Amino acid sequence: MNTSTTCSSKTFQATGVIYQTLEQLSNNTHAVFVSYNELAKRSGYSRTCVISAVKRLILQHRIFKQSECDVEKGYLRNFYVLAA
């Protein structure tokens, strides 16, 4: 079975876990900077599943995502705000 099929079947479950992980990381501020890799590590899902789950959460208006470029370090950072 390929990874995309497995990920697709787990996306619904992963969505809830990713949301809970974002809640835990936000420490009641309802906002957090975290990478896809860090979300994958903390949730136990692959990076691909995390990306799909984040897209689903955005479409459901449960979170809002903003990306910003850290020029000095040379990468994008994701800033997530959980909907109230």
Protein backbone atom coordinates (compact mmCIF):
# COMPACT_ATOMS: atom_id res chain seq x y z
CA MET A 1 0.00 0.00 0.00
CA ASN A 2 1.46 3.39 -0.90
CA THR A 3 1.83 6.27 1.55
CA SER A 4 -0.71 8.58 -0.11
CA THR A 5 -3.48 5.95 0.17
CA THR A 6 -2.61 5.31 3.80
CA CYS A 7 -2.47 9.02 4.51
CA SER A 8 -5.81 9.68 2.83
CA SER A 9 -7.50 7.06 4.96
CA LYS A 10 -5.98 8.55 8.13
CA THR A 11 -6.53 12.23 7.36
CA PHE A 12 -9.84 12.43 9.21
CA GLN A 13 -8.34 10.92 12.37
CA ALA A 14 -5.14 12.93 11.98
CA THR A 15 -7.13 16.17 11.76
CA GLY A 16 -8.36 15.84 15.34
CA VAL A 17 -4.95 14.83 16.64
CA ILE A 18 -3.23 17.73 14.87
CA TYR A 19 -5.77 20.19 16.27
CA GLN A 20 -5.19 18.82 19.79
CA THR A 21 -1.43 19.06 19.29
CA LEU A 22 -1.76 22.70 18.21
CA GLU A 23 -3.91 23.39 21.28
CA GLN A 24 -1.30 21.86 23.57
CA LEU A 25 1.52 23.82 21.96
CA SER A 26 -0.36 27.11 22.08
CA ASN A 27 -0.48 27.17 25.90
CA ASN A 28 -3.88 28.89 25.98
CA THR A 29 -2.71 31.75 23.74
CA HIS A 30 -4.53 30.25 20.74
CA ALA A 31 -1.46 30.93 18.58
CA VAL A 32 1.75 29.02 17.96
CA PHE A 33 4.78 28.91 15.66
CA VAL A 34 5.48 25.29 14.72
CA SER A 35 6.84 23.44 11.70
CA TYR A 36 5.20 20.58 9.87
CA ASN A 37 8.12 18.38 10.96
CA GLU A 38 7.56 19.24 14.61
CA LEU A 39 3.82 18.56 14.32
CA ALA A 40 4.63 15.23 12.68
CA LYS A 41 7.03 14.29 15.45
CA ARG A 42 4.64 15.26 18.25
CA SER A 43 1.52 13.73 16.68
CA GLY A 44 3.02 10.50 15.35
CA TYR A 45 1.75 11.11 11.81
CA SER A 46 3.84 11.57 8.69
CA ARG A 47 4.63 15.06 7.43
CA THR A 48 2.35 14.39 4.44
CA CYS A 49 -0.57 13.53 6.73
CA VAL A 50 0.12 16.63 8.83
CA ILE A 51 -0.01 18.86 5.75
CA SER A 52 -3.32 17.28 4.65
CA ALA A 53 -4.77 17.63 8.15
CA VAL A 54 -3.71 21.29 8.38
CA LYS A 55 -5.35 22.01 5.01
CA ARG A 56 -8.53 20.33 6.25
CA LEU A 57 -8.50 22.38 9.47
CA ILE A 58 -8.08 25.58 7.45
CA LEU A 59 -11.01 24.66 5.18
CA GLN A 60 -13.11 23.97 8.29
CA HIS A 61 -12.12 27.41 9.66
CA ARG A 62 -10.83 25.78 12.84
CA ILE A 63 -7.37 27.31 12.37
CA PHE A 64 -5.79 30.12 10.40
CA LYS A 65 -2.26 29.80 9.04
CA GLN A 66 0.22 32.49 8.20
CA SER A 67 3.69 31.84 6.79
CA GLU A 68 6.58 34.17 7.25
CA CYS A 69 10.05 34.01 5.80
CA ASP A 70 13.01 34.03 8.16
CA VAL A 71 15.59 35.50 5.79
CA GLU A 72 18.51 35.07 8.17
CA LYS A 73 17.84 31.37 8.71
CA GLY A 74 16.57 30.76 5.18
CA TYR A 75 13.24 29.05 5.79
CA LEU A 76 9.52 29.66 6.17
CA ARG A 77 7.88 29.54 9.58
CA ASN A 78 4.23 28.70 10.02
CA PHE A 79 2.15 30.67 12.50
CA TYR A 80 -1.15 29.03 13.46
CA VAL A 81 -4.06 30.73 15.19
CA LEU A 82 -6.80 28.52 16.57
CA ALA A 83 -10.32 29.79 15.96
CA ALA A 84 -12.18 30.76 19.09
